[in-house]
């Protein structure tokens, strides 16, 4: 009986190690088991999640952002490295995966009062996002909490002649952040969306001890 228990435990561990990596993005449903295997081999370490999409440049290809297992995980903040990959596509199948960059960095901020989503997807508010520039854990927590609060810009008063100004004036905090960039000490930019390459872009300013939203615009890339 003890031998059976040990065998069962070993099989469970092996099964967990080889479980499918969470995958999302417009090309995710077309990815095959062999793609998962090839990407794992190139990553040379565990993977938190894969984001797969179509490349916008011909010839037809898929691009994958592999969020590697976090290097740090503390108080609802994870940080880790990104592996960017690309493969030509023929007959809706990847031909050969190659690494295009190992320089990317990501962060992941848990939703308030909840653990991280186990099988993260494009709609999850706590999905990993690419980070450019330096942010402390405290700064990450504060700026993401601010964006998730659905902040609104102060209204622009009408001109003396009665002309009104219609523009985007509010962020939807239910939409996940997909990229965060530090511009300078008091300015950051956030990209939000549920699909790669489109969504809302916001310029954020830090003053008087808190973040404030400035310009808001749509982006398509």
Protein backbone atom coordinates (compact mmCIF):
# COMPACT_ATOMS: atom_id res chain seq x y z
CA UNK A 1 0.00 0.00 0.00
CA UNK A 2 2.82 2.43 0.86
CA UNK A 3 4.39 1.74 -2.53
CA UNK A 4 1.10 2.54 -4.26
CA UNK A 5 0.77 5.80 -2.32
CA UNK A 6 4.31 6.84 -3.24
CA UNK A 7 3.70 5.97 -6.89
CA UNK A 8 0.45 7.93 -6.91
CA UNK A 9 2.17 10.96 -5.38
CA UNK A 10 5.00 10.78 -7.93
CA UNK A 11 2.52 10.64 -10.81
CA UNK A 12 0.68 13.67 -9.39
CA UNK A 13 3.92 15.67 -9.20
CA UNK A 14 4.90 14.73 -12.76
CA UNK A 15 1.41 15.62 -13.99
CA UNK A 16 1.61 19.04 -12.30
CA UNK A 17 5.02 19.74 -13.80
CA UNK A 18 3.75 18.99 -17.29
CA UNK A 19 0.36 20.70 -16.96
CA UNK A 20 -0.53 23.02 -19.80
CA UNK A 21 0.65 26.59 -19.35
CA UNK A 22 -2.22 29.14 -19.16
CA UNK A 23 -2.48 30.74 -22.59
CA UNK A 24 -4.49 33.70 -23.87
CA UNK A 25 -4.58 36.07 -26.83
CA UNK A 26 -6.05 35.99 -30.34
CA UNK A 27 -3.81 33.16 -31.54
CA UNK A 28 -4.02 31.08 -28.35
CA UNK A 29 -6.79 28.78 -29.60
CA UNK A 30 -4.67 27.78 -32.59
CA UNK A 31 -1.59 26.82 -30.58
CA UNK A 32 -0.77 23.12 -30.38
CA UNK A 33 0.78 20.92 -27.71
CA UNK A 34 4.04 20.89 -29.66
CA UNK A 35 4.13 24.72 -29.51
CA UNK A 36 3.82 24.58 -25.73
CA UNK A 37 6.64 22.02 -25.61
CA UNK A 38 8.93 24.01 -27.90
CA UNK A 39 8.41 27.24 -25.99
CA UNK A 40 9.05 25.53 -22.64
CA UNK A 41 12.32 24.19 -24.00
CA UNK A 42 13.44 27.64 -25.18
CA UNK A 43 12.40 29.25 -21.89
CA UNK A 44 14.54 26.84 -19.86
CA UNK A 45 12.41 27.52 -16.78
CA UNK A 46 8.79 27.41 -15.61
CA UNK A 47 6.30 29.73 -17.32
CA UNK A 48 3.53 31.65 -15.58
CA UNK A 49 1.47 32.31 -18.72
CA UNK A 50 1.70 32.73 -22.49
CA UNK A 51 0.13 35.52 -24.54
CA UNK A 52 -0.15 34.56 -28.21
CA UNK A 53 -1.12 36.85 -31.07
CA UNK A 54 -0.77 37.42 -34.80
CA UNK A 55 2.24 39.41 -35.93
CA UNK A 56 1.28 42.54 -37.86
CA UNK A 57 4.25 42.13 -40.23
CA UNK A 58 4.17 39.76 -43.20
CA UNK A 59 4.93 36.94 -43.86
CA UNK A 60 2.27 35.40 -41.63
CA UNK A 61 3.58 34.67 -38.16
CA UNK A 62 2.60 34.29 -34.52
CA UNK A 63 4.26 36.17 -31.70
CA UNK A 64 4.25 34.98 -28.11
CA UNK A 65 5.02 36.80 -24.89
CA UNK A 66 6.09 34.21 -22.31
CA UNK A 67 5.78 35.48 -18.76
CA UNK A 68 8.37 33.41 -16.92
CA UNK A 69 7.95 32.21 -13.34
CA UNK A 70 8.30 35.24 -11.06
CA UNK A 71 11.67 36.18 -9.61
CA UNK A 72 9.92 37.79 -6.64
CA UNK A 73 6.48 37.38 -5.07
CA UNK A 74 5.71 39.53 -2.04
CA UNK A 75 2.58 41.14 -0.61
CA UNK A 76 0.53 40.89 -3.77
CA UNK A 77 3.30 42.03 -6.13
CA UNK A 78 5.04 39.68 -8.53
CA UNK A 79 7.92 40.57 -10.81
CA UNK A 80 9.63 38.52 -13.48
CA UNK A 81 11.17 38.32 -16.91
CA UNK A 82 9.55 38.14 -20.33
CA UNK A 83 10.67 35.92 -23.18
CA UNK A 84 9.48 37.18 -26.59
CA UNK A 85 9.17 34.57 -29.34
CA UNK A 86 8.09 34.42 -32.98
CA UNK A 87 7.32 31.69 -35.49
CA UNK A 88 6.35 31.70 -39.16
CA UNK A 89 2.96 30.11 -39.78
CA UNK A 90 2.04 27.73 -42.60
CA UNK A 91 -1.37 26.10 -42.90
CA UNK A 92 -2.29 27.53 -39.47
CA UNK A 93 0.66 25.80 -37.81
CA UNK A 94 3.85 27.29 -36.35
CA UNK A 95 6.94 26.16 -38.27
CA UNK A 96 9.79 26.96 -35.86
CA UNK A 97 9.87 29.03 -32.70
CA UNK A 98 12.77 31.39 -32.08
CA UNK A 99 13.53 33.85 -29.30
CA UNK A 100 13.44 37.51 -30.37
CA UNK A 101 14.17 39.08 -26.97
CA UNK A 102 15.03 38.14 -23.41
CA UNK A 103 15.09 41.73 -22.15
CA UNK A 104 11.45 42.27 -21.16
CA UNK A 105 10.22 42.66 -17.60
CA UNK A 106 6.74 42.25 -16.18
CA UNK A 107 4.83 42.91 -12.99
CA UNK A 108 1.61 41.43 -11.65
CA UNK A 109 -0.52 43.11 -8.98
CA UNK A 110 -3.16 41.07 -7.17
CA UNK A 111 -6.71 42.37 -6.90
CA UNK A 112 -7.40 43.89 -3.50
CA UNK A 113 -8.18 41.22 -0.92
CA UNK A 114 -7.89 38.31 -3.36
CA UNK A 115 -5.18 35.79 -4.30
CA UNK A 116 -3.71 35.79 -7.81
CA UNK A 117 -5.83 34.16 -10.51
CA UNK A 118 -4.49 30.65 -11.07
CA UNK A 119 -5.13 30.40 -14.81
CA UNK A 120 -4.74 33.99 -15.91
CA UNK A 121 -6.48 35.30 -19.03
CA UNK A 122 -6.77 38.50 -21.06
CA UNK A 123 -9.80 39.74 -19.08
CA UNK A 124 -8.32 39.19 -15.63
CA UNK A 125 -7.61 42.43 -13.79
CA UNK A 126 -4.52 40.85 -12.21
CA UNK A 127 -2.95 39.63 -15.46
CA UNK A 128 0.81 40.27 -15.85
CA UNK A 129 1.79 43.45 -17.70
CA UNK A 130 5.00 44.66 -19.33
CA UNK A 131 6.96 47.29 -17.39
CA UNK A 132 9.41 49.87 -18.71
CA UNK A 133 11.48 51.84 -16.21
CA UNK A 134 11.88 51.55 -12.47
CA UNK A 135 8.99 51.31 -10.02
CA UNK A 136 9.26 50.21 -6.40
CA UNK A 137 6.74 47.65 -5.17
CA UNK A 138 4.96 50.42 -3.27
CA UNK A 139 4.77 52.60 -6.37
CA UNK A 140 3.42 49.71 -8.46
CA UNK A 141 0.75 48.99 -5.88
CA UNK A 142 -0.31 52.63 -5.66
CA UNK A 143 -0.42 53.43 -9.37
CA UNK A 144 -2.31 50.23 -10.25
CA UNK A 145 -4.76 50.78 -7.39
CA UNK A 146 -5.34 54.29 -8.73
CA UNK A 147 -6.00 53.08 -12.28
CA UNK A 148 -8.38 50.40 -10.98
CA UNK A 149 -10.37 53.06 -9.13
CA UNK A 150 -11.74 54.32 -12.49
CA UNK A 151 -10.41 57.86 -12.03
CA UNK A 152 -11.99 60.77 -13.84
CA UNK A 153 -10.31 63.91 -15.19
CA UNK A 154 -11.50 67.30 -13.98
CA UNK A 155 -14.10 68.64 -16.45
CA UNK A 156 -12.97 71.23 -18.99
CA UNK A 157 -15.17 74.35 -18.72
CA UNK A 158 -16.94 75.61 -21.80
CA UNK A 159 -15.36 78.45 -23.74
CA UNK A 160 -16.80 81.96 -23.28
CA UNK A 161 -18.67 81.55 -26.57
CA UNK A 162 -20.38 78.41 -25.26
CA UNK A 163 -18.22 75.91 -27.13
CA UNK A 164 -17.99 72.66 -25.15
CA UNK A 165 -15.13 70.16 -25.28
CA UNK A 166 -15.99 66.49 -25.65
CA UNK A 167 -13.14 64.13 -24.85
CA UNK A 168 -12.36 60.93 -22.98
CA UNK A 169 -12.47 61.83 -19.33
CA UNK A 170 -12.49 58.56 -17.39
CA UNK A 171 -10.60 55.28 -17.15
CA UNK A 172 -12.49 52.01 -16.78
CA UNK A 173 -10.82 50.29 -13.84
CA UNK A 174 -12.32 46.95 -14.84
CA UNK A 175 -10.03 46.83 -17.89
CA UNK A 176 -6.60 45.34 -17.13
CA UNK A 177 -3.33 47.21 -17.52
CA UNK A 178 -1.20 45.62 -20.27
CA UNK A 179 1.80 47.97 -20.13
CA UNK A 180 3.22 50.53 -17.72
CA UNK A 181 6.04 52.95 -18.50
CA UNK A 182 7.95 55.33 -16.30
CA UNK A 183 8.54 58.64 -18.11
CA UNK A 184 10.17 60.51 -15.25
CA UNK A 185 9.95 60.77 -11.49
CA UNK A 186 6.46 62.27 -11.53
CA UNK A 187 4.99 60.93 -14.77
CA UNK A 188 3.97 57.47 -15.96
CA UNK A 189 2.00 56.08 -18.89
CA UNK A 190 -0.44 53.18 -18.73
CA UNK A 191 -1.91 51.13 -21.56
CA UNK A 192 -5.12 49.25 -20.83
CA UNK A 193 -6.98 46.71 -22.94
CA UNK A 194 -8.42 43.23 -23.33
CA UNK A 195 -6.79 42.60 -26.70
CA UNK A 196 -3.21 43.11 -27.73
CA UNK A 197 -2.65 46.28 -29.73
CA UNK A 198 -5.75 48.30 -28.87
CA UNK A 199 -7.37 49.99 -25.89
CA UNK A 200 -6.90 53.11 -23.79
CA UNK A 201 -3.70 55.03 -23.11
CA UNK A 202 -3.41 57.33 -20.10
CA UNK A 203 -0.78 59.78 -18.93
CA UNK A 204 -0.53 59.81 -15.13
CA UNK A 205 1.00 62.56 -13.01
CA UNK A 206 2.19 62.26 -9.41
CA UNK A 207 1.73 65.39 -7.34
CA UNK A 208 0.83 66.31 -3.76
CA UNK A 209 1.32 62.71 -2.65
CA UNK A 210 -1.06 61.00 -5.09
CA UNK A 211 -1.55 60.07 -8.74
CA UNK A 212 -3.78 62.07 -11.10
CA UNK A 213 -4.93 61.20 -14.60
CA UNK A 214 -4.01 63.58 -17.40
CA UNK A 215 -4.48 62.89 -21.09
CA UNK A 216 -6.61 59.86 -22.06
CA UNK A 217 -6.70 58.54 -25.63
CA UNK A 218 -7.43 55.45 -27.69
CA UNK A 219 -4.47 53.55 -29.11
CA UNK A 220 -4.11 51.03 -31.92
CA UNK A 221 -0.78 49.45 -32.77
